[in-house]
Amino acid sequence: MIPVREITIDSYHQALRSGNATVLQAVQYYLQRCRAIDSTLRALICINPHAEEIAKTMDEELQHLLVSQDAFPVLFGVPVIVKDTYATADMPTSVGCKSLAGFQTLHDAPVVSKIMAAGGLIFAKTNLHELSCQGVTLSSLGGQTLNPYDLTRTPGGSSGGTAAALAANLGMVGCGGDTMNSIRSPASACSIVGFRPTTGRISTIGIVPVSWTQDAIGPMGRTVADVGRLYAVMQDEGHIVSTGTGLTAKSPSKFSLKGLRIGVLENYFLSKPEELDETRQVREVISSALKKLEERGVTLVPFENQNWAIQKLSTEMDVQKFEFKQNLDDFFNSNRGNLSEIGFRPPDEESILEQILQKDEFDHTALPPATSMIHLATLAVTESGWTEEYQQRLQAIKQLKTSLASKFQELNLDTFAYPHQTQLVVKTGNSTQPNRNGLLASLTGHPSLCLPAGFTAPSDDAPDGIPIGLELLGKWGDDENLLEIGELFEGVLQGRKEPKISQEAM
């Protein structure tokens, strides 16, 4: 069998066609790696107990496909890992919360059904920051996920379990969710690719939510091509477009590096007087990455807009605290499953969030009651109507969307670029991750792609250094073009390195 570690979907399918691999061999390989590594990383909450049985059935189908010479389904035999917010009928959906352990929906989320219909095998569900409420991937059910490049640090979050697992080769591709930074933060911290699509391009039905205004779900992987292939499957039917990273044979990109115009958001770097050693290293890695692109013909357009400053967006526009309580109740009203069997009353009798608080089975470090759970419960929008502050924030978001769209046109840009984080992921023991730049995309709904850009200097804890991600913000609805540009940049930057924990496992 060919080596599965770091394998792409295309290479995997070629191996299946040539007889150099089977689906069962791939699944067993990942199972072995999970046994060898995940007791350390704590990236997974559960592994599909039927994975080997499903793989055997797929291998029978493989023989028919080889005889008939029919095209493979897009994700045929691909082990896919998903964040534990994705409803799965054959595995619990706990959102990392101990009080919801064992919660079972009756149906798969529509996007999970799409993945399986395209031949994907849902291999495992990953740890996350409890209830998707912060960015260090710490939960009462899954514990603290560790960064595979530095076991003293977090993997970012909230989709950090997916990122850590993919970085360490515990699955082929994966899925995350993103309300503020939650796909791109762990992608940046774990040297993988994370894609937040244009809001509405992938249905969030069947996904445990945070904010109907800001939520999106999307693909994660080790290469842009794999992310693009998974994205092509996850999209709603009305939006599916065949692209260079899409469904069948790869077509030539309509872009070339020469002539691309990238707006560099300079106030998304920490100002030099405030720099510490690690923020200086972030600046140097991202500046070096942009310089490489410039040397290949990309035009860099420096730009600064203090109205887009992350602190301003967070304090004046972020609306998740107003929507979370009702969003959670809406989900559990639609997906009651075995809710009563695990000791919960229906949400129309008492809010799910309030019941979680009463049960007191959550990690108080992950969700400090004074600043998170109770705060969100008391500030949530009530049935009596929207608050004035909430309406003001929605109006500000509308103005922000107009401002961003106009700057794309005025500056004639293909994307904006900036570091996803101006400081490195924090050490374990911290409950929050500051200085992330993902909120501009989350509020405006524009597509955003995070790529591996490079690493900090090596240290005793991080022998290869800490990964640093470059975020690309695209035009509204320009998802496929952004992926094509990202693939071109990936070829220049070659910023991914496999972590040593992955290389030493087998």
Protein backbone atom coordinates (compact mmCIF):
# COMPACT_ATOMS: atom_id res chain seq x y z
CA MET A 1 0.00 0.00 0.00
CA ILE A 2 1.21 3.52 -0.80
CA PRO A 3 1.89 5.84 2.17
CA VAL A 4 -1.37 7.49 3.26
CA ARG A 5 0.22 10.18 5.41
CA GLU A 6 -0.09 13.64 3.76
CA ILE A 7 -1.92 12.04 0.83
CA THR A 8 -4.26 14.18 -1.29
CA ILE A 9 -7.66 13.06 -2.52
CA ASP A 10 -6.46 12.90 -6.12
CA SER A 11 -3.43 10.77 -5.20
CA TYR A 12 -5.64 8.53 -3.07
CA HIS A 13 -8.07 7.97 -5.93
CA GLN A 14 -5.19 7.19 -8.26
CA ALA A 15 -3.96 4.60 -5.75
CA LEU A 16 -7.43 3.05 -5.51
CA ARG A 17 -7.65 2.81 -9.31
CA SER A 18 -4.18 1.27 -9.63
CA GLY A 19 -4.81 -1.31 -6.90
CA ASN A 20 -2.17 0.18 -4.61
CA ALA A 21 -4.68 0.94 -1.88
CA THR A 22 -8.13 0.02 -0.61
CA VAL A 23 -10.59 2.05 1.42
CA LEU A 24 -10.26 -0.41 4.30
CA GLN A 25 -6.47 -0.01 4.33
CA ALA A 26 -6.83 3.77 4.48
CA VAL A 27 -9.35 3.58 7.32
CA GLN A 28 -7.22 1.13 9.27
CA TYR A 29 -4.18 3.34 8.76
CA TYR A 30 -6.03 6.32 10.27
CA LEU A 31 -7.34 4.15 13.11
CA GLN A 32 -3.77 3.12 13.94
CA ARG A 33 -2.64 6.75 13.91
CA CYS A 34 -5.52 7.76 16.17
CA ARG A 35 -4.50 5.09 18.66
CA ALA A 36 -0.87 6.23 18.50
CA ILE A 37 -1.37 10.00 18.65
CA ASP A 38 -4.77 11.09 19.85
CA SER A 39 -4.30 10.14 23.49
CA THR A 40 -1.76 12.98 23.43
CA LEU A 41 -3.48 15.47 21.13
CA ARG A 42 -7.08 14.91 22.29
CA ALA A 43 -8.32 16.10 18.90
CA LEU A 44 -11.21 13.64 18.58
CA ILE A 45 -14.37 13.17 20.63
CA CYS A 46 -15.45 9.93 18.95
CA ILE A 47 -14.53 7.67 16.05
CA ASN A 48 -17.24 6.15 13.88
CA PRO A 49 -17.67 2.63 15.31
CA HIS A 50 -18.79 1.42 11.87
CA ALA A 51 -15.85 2.88 9.93
CA GLU A 52 -14.25 -0.46 9.00
CA GLU A 53 -17.59 -2.01 8.09
CA ILE A 54 -18.42 0.95 5.84
CA ALA A 55 -14.96 0.74 4.27
CA LYS A 56 -15.45 -2.95 3.40
CA THR A 57 -18.73 -2.10 1.65
CA MET A 58 -16.99 0.68 -0.25
CA ASP A 59 -14.27 -1.72 -1.38
CA GLU A 60 -16.96 -3.94 -2.88
CA GLU A 61 -18.27 -0.89 -4.73
CA LEU A 62 -14.68 -0.08 -5.75
CA GLN A 63 -14.42 -3.39 -7.62
CA HIS A 64 -17.57 -2.58 -9.58
CA LEU A 65 -16.23 0.87 -10.43
CA LEU A 66 -12.95 -0.58 -11.64
CA VAL A 67 -14.68 -3.14 -13.83
CA SER A 68 -17.14 -0.63 -15.27
CA GLN A 69 -14.47 2.10 -15.50
CA ASP A 70 -17.07 4.57 -14.22
CA ALA A 71 -15.90 7.84 -12.68
CA PHE A 72 -15.43 7.80 -8.93
CA PRO A 73 -17.87 9.81 -6.83
CA VAL A 74 -16.12 13.05 -5.84
CA LEU A 75 -15.19 11.93 -2.32
CA PHE A 76 -15.25 8.19 -2.86
CA GLY A 77 -13.72 6.40 0.11
CA VAL A 78 -12.34 9.60 1.63
CA PRO A 79 -12.24 9.53 5.48
CA VAL A 80 -13.77 12.87 6.51
CA ILE A 81 -13.64 14.24 10.06
CA VAL A 82 -16.26 16.74 11.22
CA LYS A 83 -16.57 19.16 14.12
CA ASP A 84 -18.89 17.89 16.84
CA THR A 85 -21.49 20.50 15.91
CA TYR A 86 -22.51 18.56 12.76
CA ALA A 87 -25.61 16.43 13.41
CA THR A 88 -24.86 12.77 12.69
CA ALA A 89 -27.53 10.12 13.10
CA ASP A 90 -25.05 7.36 13.95
CA MET A 91 -22.82 9.30 16.39
CA PRO A 92 -23.66 11.71 19.23
CA THR A 93 -23.60 15.48 18.69
CA SER A 94 -22.43 16.96 21.98
CA VAL A 95 -20.83 20.34 21.10
CA GLY A 96 -18.09 19.33 23.54
CA CYS A 97 -20.45 19.75 26.49
CA LYS A 98 -20.59 16.98 29.10
CA SER A 99 -24.26 17.65 29.85
CA LEU A 100 -25.05 16.92 26.18
CA ALA A 101 -22.91 13.76 26.00
CA GLY A 102 -24.98 11.07 24.31
CA PHE A 103 -27.32 13.52 22.57
CA GLN A 104 -28.43 11.82 19.37
CA THR A 105 -30.25 13.41 16.46
CA LEU A 106 -32.63 11.40 14.31
CA HIS A 107 -31.12 12.67 11.07
CA ASP A 108 -27.81 13.75 9.59
CA ALA A 109 -27.27 17.43 8.84
CA PRO A 110 -27.96 18.00 5.12
CA VAL A 111 -24.28 18.77 4.51
CA VAL A 112 -23.30 15.45 6.13
CA SER A 113 -25.75 13.71 3.80
CA LYS A 114 -24.14 15.47 0.83
CA ILE A 115 -20.68 14.30 1.88
CA MET A 116 -21.84 10.69 2.21
CA ALA A 117 -23.78 10.86 -1.08
CA ALA A 118 -20.51 11.93 -2.74
CA GLY A 119 -18.80 8.82 -1.37
CA GLY A 120 -17.29 10.34 1.77
CA LEU A 121 -16.91 8.27 4.92
CA ILE A 122 -17.62 10.19 8.14
CA PHE A 123 -14.65 8.84 10.08
CA ALA A 124 -14.71 10.80 13.34
CA LYS A 125 -16.06 13.82 15.20
CA THR A 126 -13.64 16.33 16.61
CA ASN A 127 -13.23 18.29 19.80
CA LEU A 128 -14.00 22.01 19.83
CA HIS A 129 -14.15 24.87 22.25
CA GLU A 130 -17.21 24.13 24.35
CA LEU A 131 -20.40 25.26 22.58
CA SER A 132 -18.12 26.98 20.00
CA CYS A 133 -17.86 29.96 22.37
CA GLN A 134 -14.11 30.67 22.40
CA GLY A 135 -10.89 29.96 20.55
CA VAL A 136 -8.60 27.54 22.42
CA THR A 137 -10.47 24.20 21.90
CA LEU A 138 -11.14 23.32 25.51
CA SER A 139 -14.27 21.43 26.50
CA SER A 140 -15.71 19.47 29.40
CA LEU A 141 -16.19 16.42 27.17
CA GLY A 142 -13.03 16.47 25.06
CA GLY A 143 -10.57 18.21 27.37
CA GLN A 144 -7.83 20.49 26.04
CA THR A 145 -6.74 19.73 22.49
CA LEU A 146 -3.02 20.31 22.01
CA ASN A 147 -1.23 21.89 19.10
CA PRO A 148 0.72 19.15 17.25
CA TYR A 149 3.58 21.60 16.57
CA ASP A 150 3.94 22.66 20.21
CA LEU A 151 2.28 20.52 22.87
CA THR A 152 2.42 23.41 25.32
CA ARG A 153 0.09 25.49 23.15
CA THR A 154 -3.53 25.31 22.03
CA PRO A 155 -4.50 24.62 18.40
CA GLY A 156 -6.65 27.76 18.16
CA GLY A 157 -10.36 27.30 17.85
CA SER A 158 -13.12 26.73 18.06
CA SER A 159 -12.60 24.12 15.29
CA GLY A 160 -9.22 23.20 16.73
CA GLY A 161 -9.88 19.47 16.94
CA THR A 162 -10.40 19.28 13.18
CA ALA A 163 -7.26 21.32 12.49
CA ALA A 164 -5.04 19.38 14.91
CA ALA A 165 -6.30 16.05 13.55
CA LEU A 166 -5.64 17.03 9.94
CA ALA A 167 -2.23 18.47 10.75
CA ALA A 168 -1.28 15.16 12.42
CA ASN A 169 -2.81 13.06 9.63
CA LEU A 170 -5.71 11.54 11.57
CA GLY A 171 -8.01 12.04 8.58
CA MET A 172 -7.86 13.12 4.94
CA VAL A 173 -10.06 16.24 5.01
CA GLY A 174 -12.40 17.80 7.53
CA CYS A 175 -15.17 20.26 8.28
CA GLY A 176 -15.40 23.11 10.76
CA GLY A 177 -17.64 25.98 11.73
CA ASP A 178 -16.88 29.70 11.91
CA THR A 179 -18.74 32.45 13.79
CA MET A 180 -15.82 34.84 14.32
CA ASN A 181 -12.52 33.06 13.51
CA SER A 182 -13.21 29.42 14.17
CA ILE A 183 -12.11 27.77 10.91
CA ARG A 184 -9.27 30.12 10.10
CA SER A 185 -7.79 30.45 13.61
CA PRO A 186 -6.94 26.73 13.94
CA ALA A 187 -5.93 26.56 10.27
CA SER A 188 -3.39 29.30 10.97
CA ALA A 189 -2.20 27.64 14.18
CA CYS A 190 -1.90 24.12 12.70
CA SER A 191 -0.42 24.73 9.23
CA ILE A 192 -3.47 23.63 7.28
CA VAL A 193 -5.92 25.32 4.89
CA GLY A 194 -9.24 26.59 6.21
CA PHE A 195 -12.02 28.11 4.09
CA ARG A 196 -14.97 30.18 5.30
CA PRO A 197 -17.27 30.50 2.26
CA THR A 198 -19.59 33.35 1.38
CA THR A 199 -22.44 33.37 3.89
CA GLY A 200 -25.28 31.22 2.58
CA ARG A 201 -23.24 29.14 0.16
CA ILE A 202 -23.38 26.10 2.47
CA SER A 203 -26.52 25.30 4.47
CA THR A 204 -26.08 25.45 8.25
CA ILE A 205 -29.25 23.42 8.87
CA GLY A 206 -28.43 20.61 11.28
CA ILE A 207 -25.36 22.39 12.66
CA VAL A 208 -25.45 23.43 16.32
CA PRO A 209 -25.38 27.23 15.95
CA VAL A 210 -24.10 30.35 17.66
CA SER A 211 -25.31 33.26 15.51
CA TRP A 212 -27.64 33.26 12.52
CA THR A 213 -25.99 36.51 11.35
CA GLN A 214 -22.38 35.35 11.55
CA ASP A 215 -22.34 31.54 11.34
CA ALA A 216 -20.81 29.69 8.40
CA ILE A 217 -19.44 26.19 7.98
CA GLY A 218 -16.70 25.13 5.64
CA PRO A 219 -13.97 22.71 4.56
CA MET A 220 -10.51 22.24 6.03
CA GLY A 221 -7.57 20.28 4.63
CA ARG A 222 -3.85 20.13 4.02
CA THR A 223 -4.07 21.53 0.47
CA VAL A 224 -6.28 24.07 -1.28
CA ALA A 225 -7.18 21.48 -3.94
CA ASP A 226 -8.60 19.11 -1.31
CA VAL A 227 -10.47 21.97 0.36
CA GLY A 228 -11.91 22.98 -3.02
CA ARG A 229 -13.03 19.44 -3.78
CA LEU A 230 -14.79 19.13 -0.44
CA TYR A 231 -16.33 22.59 -0.86
CA ALA A 232 -17.78 21.61 -4.23
CA VAL A 233 -19.69 18.85 -2.46
CA MET A 234 -20.76 20.88 0.59
CA GLN A 235 -22.33 23.75 -1.39
CA ASP A 236 -26.06 24.14 -1.81
CA GLU A 237 -27.28 22.95 -5.19
CA GLY A 238 -28.05 26.43 -6.54
CA HIS A 239 -24.45 27.54 -6.04
CA ILE A 240 -22.38 24.60 -7.30
CA VAL A 241 -19.87 25.74 -9.90
CA SER A 242 -17.28 23.54 -11.59
CA THR A 243 -13.85 24.96 -10.78
CA GLY A 244 -10.18 24.17 -11.10
CA THR A 245 -10.29 22.66 -7.62
CA GLY A 246 -13.62 21.03 -8.27
CA LEU A 247 -15.22 17.83 -9.37
CA THR A 248 -13.24 16.08 -12.08
CA ALA A 249 -10.08 16.67 -14.09
CA LYS A 250 -8.31 19.88 -13.14
CA SER A 251 -8.77 22.70 -15.64
CA PRO A 252 -6.19 25.46 -16.10
CA SER A 253 -6.58 28.41 -13.76
CA LYS A 254 -7.86 31.59 -15.35
CA PHE A 255 -5.51 33.53 -13.08
CA SER A 256 -1.79 34.08 -13.22
CA LEU A 257 0.29 35.57 -10.44
CA LYS A 258 1.35 38.48 -12.59
CA GLY A 259 -1.42 41.04 -12.58
CA LEU A 260 -3.15 39.97 -9.36
CA ARG A 261 -3.77 42.91 -7.05
CA ILE A 262 -3.72 42.24 -3.31
CA GLY A 263 -4.73 44.84 -0.75
CA VAL A 264 -2.48 44.52 2.32
CA LEU A 265 -4.46 45.55 5.41
CA GLU A 266 -1.66 47.24 7.32
CA ASN A 267 -3.64 47.93 10.49
CA TYR A 268 -4.21 44.16 10.80
CA PHE A 269 -0.59 43.88 11.89
CA LEU A 270 0.17 44.83 15.49
CA SER A 271 1.74 48.29 15.51
CA LYS A 272 5.51 48.18 15.92
CA PRO A 273 5.73 50.05 19.25
CA GLU A 274 3.55 47.33 20.80
CA GLU A 275 5.44 44.39 19.32
CA LEU A 276 6.75 41.55 21.41
CA ASP A 277 9.17 39.00 20.01
CA GLU A 278 6.40 36.66 18.84
CA THR A 279 4.33 39.40 17.19
CA ARG A 280 7.50 40.57 15.44
CA GLN A 281 7.95 37.04 14.12
CA VAL A 282 4.38 37.03 12.82
CA ARG A 283 5.05 40.28 10.97
CA GLU A 284 8.29 38.93 9.51
CA VAL A 285 6.76 35.65 8.31
CA ILE A 286 3.77 37.34 6.67
CA SER A 287 5.92 40.10 5.17
CA SER A 288 8.26 37.46 3.75
CA ALA A 289 5.30 35.57 2.26
CA LEU A 290 3.93 38.71 0.63
CA LYS A 291 7.42 39.55 -0.69
CA LYS A 292 7.61 36.13 -2.38
CA LEU A 293 4.28 36.81 -4.08
CA GLU A 294 5.40 40.27 -5.14
CA GLU A 295 8.56 38.80 -6.67
CA ARG A 296 6.34 36.54 -8.79
CA GLY A 297 4.37 39.47 -10.19
CA VAL A 298 1.62 40.06 -7.63
CA THR A 299 0.92 43.75 -7.03
CA LEU A 300 0.69 44.66 -3.34
CA VAL A 301 -1.55 47.61 -2.52
CA PRO A 302 -0.97 48.90 1.04
CA PHE A 303 -4.25 49.97 2.65
CA GLU A 304 -5.41 51.01 6.09
CA ASN A 305 -8.92 51.63 7.41
CA GLN A 306 -9.38 52.25 11.11
CA ASN A 307 -13.13 51.77 10.73
CA TRP A 308 -12.31 48.12 10.02
CA ALA A 309 -10.14 47.75 13.14
CA ILE A 310 -10.90 44.44 14.84
CA GLN A 311 -11.44 46.01 18.26
CA LYS A 312 -14.02 48.37 16.75
CA LEU A 313 -15.78 45.54 14.91
CA SER A 314 -15.87 43.46 18.08
CA THR A 315 -17.21 46.15 20.39
CA GLU A 316 -19.63 47.78 17.94
CA MET A 317 -20.84 45.08 15.52
CA ASP A 318 -20.43 41.51 16.81
CA VAL A 319 -23.98 40.19 17.45
CA GLN A 320 -23.45 36.63 18.64
CA LYS A 321 -24.30 37.46 22.27
CA PHE A 322 -27.76 38.61 21.17
CA GLU A 323 -28.53 35.55 19.05
CA PHE A 324 -26.90 32.59 20.76
CA LYS A 325 -29.62 31.65 23.26
CA GLN A 326 -32.44 31.70 20.69
CA ASN A 327 -30.27 30.00 18.04
CA LEU A 328 -29.51 27.13 20.39
CA ASP A 329 -33.19 26.69 21.26
CA ASP A 330 -34.17 26.75 17.58
CA PHE A 331 -31.70 23.96 16.84
CA PHE A 332 -32.93 21.71 19.64
CA ASN A 333 -36.57 22.40 18.77
CA SER A 334 -35.84 21.13 15.26
CA ASN A 335 -33.55 18.30 16.39
CA ARG A 336 -35.03 16.99 19.64
CA GLY A 337 -33.79 13.45 19.09
CA ASN A 338 -33.23 11.81 22.49
CA LEU A 339 -33.10 15.14 24.36
CA SER A 340 -35.53 14.00 27.06
CA GLU A 341 -33.58 10.77 27.59
CA ILE A 342 -30.46 12.72 28.59
CA GLY A 343 -32.41 14.83 31.07
CA PHE A 344 -33.37 17.95 29.11
CA ARG A 345 -36.79 19.55 28.82
CA PRO A 346 -37.93 20.86 25.41
CA PRO A 347 -36.61 24.36 24.64
CA ASP A 348 -40.14 25.76 24.47
CA GLU A 349 -40.46 24.91 28.17
CA GLU A 350 -37.03 26.17 29.27
CA SER A 351 -34.03 27.43 27.31
CA ILE A 352 -31.35 24.84 26.59
CA LEU A 353 -28.68 27.31 27.65
CA GLU A 354 -30.35 27.85 31.03
CA GLN A 355 -30.66 24.09 31.52
CA ILE A 356 -26.94 23.65 30.80
CA LEU A 357 -26.23 26.29 33.42
CA GLN A 358 -28.44 24.49 35.96
CA LYS A 359 -26.84 21.12 35.29
CA ASP A 360 -23.43 22.73 35.81
CA GLU A 361 -21.73 20.11 33.62
CA PHE A 362 -19.52 22.37 31.57
CA ASP A 363 -15.92 23.43 31.84
CA HIS A 364 -15.84 26.64 33.88
CA THR A 365 -12.42 27.46 32.47
CA ALA A 366 -13.67 27.14 28.91
CA LEU A 367 -16.87 29.05 29.72
CA PRO A 368 -16.35 31.33 32.71
CA PRO A 369 -19.91 32.00 33.94
CA ALA A 370 -19.36 35.68 34.72
CA THR A 371 -18.11 36.48 31.24
CA SER A 372 -19.68 33.94 28.92
CA MET A 373 -22.56 31.59 29.67
CA ILE A 374 -24.64 33.74 32.03
CA HIS A 375 -23.71 36.87 30.09
CA LEU A 376 -24.99 35.35 26.85
CA ALA A 377 -28.12 34.01 28.53
CA THR A 378 -29.10 37.34 30.05
CA LEU A 379 -28.25 39.51 27.03
CA ALA A 380 -29.98 37.27 24.48
CA VAL A 381 -32.74 38.81 22.40
CA THR A 382 -36.10 38.11 24.05
CA GLU A 383 -39.53 37.46 22.61
CA SER A 384 -40.57 41.01 23.45
CA GLY A 385 -38.47 42.36 20.59
CA TRP A 386 -35.00 43.37 19.45
CA THR A 387 -32.93 45.60 21.62
CA GLU A 388 -31.86 49.01 20.40
CA GLU A 389 -28.20 48.03 20.63
CA TYR A 390 -28.79 44.92 18.52
CA GLN A 391 -30.49 46.97 15.79
CA GLN A 392 -27.64 49.48 15.84
CA ARG A 393 -25.14 46.69 15.35
CA LEU A 394 -27.08 45.23 12.43
CA GLN A 395 -27.14 48.66 10.80
CA ALA A 396 -23.39 49.02 11.35
CA ILE A 397 -22.82 45.62 9.72
CA LYS A 398 -24.79 46.77 6.69
CA GLN A 399 -22.58 49.85 6.39
CA LEU A 400 -19.47 47.72 6.80
CA LYS A 401 -20.55 45.50 3.91
CA THR A 402 -20.99 48.56 1.70
CA SER A 403 -17.61 49.93 2.73
CA LEU A 404 -15.79 46.67 1.97
CA ALA A 405 -17.46 46.18 -1.41
CA SER A 406 -16.66 49.75 -2.44
CA LYS A 407 -12.97 49.38 -1.51
CA PHE A 408 -12.65 46.24 -3.61
CA GLN A 409 -13.97 48.20 -6.58
CA GLU A 410 -12.16 51.48 -5.86
CA LEU A 411 -8.75 49.81 -5.47
CA ASN A 412 -9.41 47.23 -8.21
CA LEU A 413 -8.41 44.36 -5.90
CA ASP A 414 -8.65 40.61 -6.27
CA THR A 415 -8.30 40.00 -2.51
CA PHE A 416 -7.25 41.59 0.74
CA ALA A 417 -4.44 39.91 2.70
CA TYR A 418 -3.28 40.00 6.32
CA PRO A 419 -2.08 37.67 9.07
CA HIS A 420 -4.97 35.79 10.62
CA GLN A 421 -3.40 36.31 14.06
CA THR A 422 -1.03 39.07 15.10
CA GLN A 423 0.25 36.93 17.95
CA LEU A 424 0.85 33.21 18.25
CA VAL A 425 -1.69 30.80 19.67
CA VAL A 426 -1.66 30.96 23.44
CA LYS A 427 -0.22 28.42 25.83
CA THR A 428 -2.59 25.88 27.35
CA GLY A 429 -4.19 27.17 30.53
CA ASN A 430 -5.55 30.26 28.79
CA SER A 431 -9.29 30.36 28.07
CA THR A 432 -9.24 32.95 25.29
CA GLN A 433 -7.19 33.68 22.18
CA PRO A 434 -6.66 37.42 21.55
CA ASN A 435 -5.57 39.33 18.47
CA ARG A 436 -7.30 37.41 15.69
CA ASN A 437 -8.34 39.14 12.46
CA GLY A 438 -11.20 36.99 11.22
CA LEU A 439 -14.15 39.18 12.19
CA LEU A 440 -14.17 41.31 9.02
CA ALA A 441 -15.13 38.27 6.94
CA SER A 442 -17.55 36.95 9.57
CA LEU A 443 -19.54 40.19 9.76
CA THR A 444 -19.61 40.95 6.03
CA GLY A 445 -20.11 37.35 4.90
CA HIS A 446 -17.30 37.60 2.35
CA PRO A 447 -15.33 34.41 1.61
CA SER A 448 -12.05 34.02 3.44
CA LEU A 449 -9.21 31.53 3.01
CA CYS A 450 -6.36 30.91 5.46
CA LEU A 451 -3.14 29.39 4.05
CA PRO A 452 0.06 28.20 5.73
CA ALA A 453 2.55 31.07 5.34
CA GLY A 454 5.51 29.80 7.35
CA PHE A 455 6.82 29.25 10.86
CA THR A 456 8.45 31.13 13.69
CA ALA A 457 11.98 30.29 14.77
CA PRO A 458 12.37 26.80 16.32
CA SER A 459 12.34 26.43 20.09
CA ASP A 460 12.60 23.61 22.62
CA ASP A 461 8.80 23.26 22.73
CA ALA A 462 8.36 23.76 18.98
CA PRO A 463 11.25 22.13 17.10
CA ASP A 464 9.91 23.33 13.74
CA GLY A 465 8.52 26.61 15.04
CA ILE A 466 4.87 27.70 15.38
CA PRO A 467 2.73 27.88 12.21
CA ILE A 468 1.53 31.27 10.98
CA GLY A 469 -1.35 31.66 8.53
CA LEU A 470 -1.99 34.20 5.77
CA GLU A 471 -5.66 35.13 5.42
CA LEU A 472 -7.09 36.10 2.03
CA LEU A 473 -10.44 37.93 1.96
CA GLY A 474 -12.34 37.70 -1.32
CA LYS A 475 -15.20 39.54 -2.99
CA TRP A 476 -18.75 38.58 -2.06
CA GLY A 477 -19.71 35.35 -3.87
CA ASP A 478 -16.25 35.01 -5.44
CA ASP A 479 -15.51 31.73 -3.66
CA GLU A 480 -14.21 29.70 -6.58
CA ASN A 481 -11.91 32.49 -7.74
CA LEU A 482 -10.56 32.92 -4.22
CA LEU A 483 -9.76 29.20 -4.06
CA GLU A 484 -7.95 29.38 -7.40
CA ILE A 485 -5.91 32.37 -6.24
CA GLY A 486 -5.19 30.54 -2.98
CA GLU A 487 -3.89 27.53 -4.88
CA LEU A 488 -1.52 29.74 -6.87
CA PHE A 489 -0.26 31.35 -3.66
CA GLU A 490 0.11 27.95 -2.01
CA GLY A 491 2.44 26.87 -4.82
CA VAL A 492 4.67 29.87 -4.20
CA LEU A 493 4.66 29.88 -0.41
CA GLN A 494 4.84 26.12 0.23
CA GLY A 495 4.24 27.04 3.85
CA ARG A 496 3.07 23.70 5.24
CA LYS A 497 5.32 21.38 7.24
CA GLU A 498 4.20 18.13 8.82
CA PRO A 499 4.55 18.16 12.62
CA LYS A 500 7.15 15.90 14.18
CA ILE A 501 4.51 14.13 16.27
CA SER A 502 2.95 13.00 13.00
CA GLN A 503 6.21 11.86 11.46
CA GLU A 504 7.25 9.89 14.55
CA ALA A 505 3.94 8.04 14.96
CA MET A 506 4.58 5.53 12.16
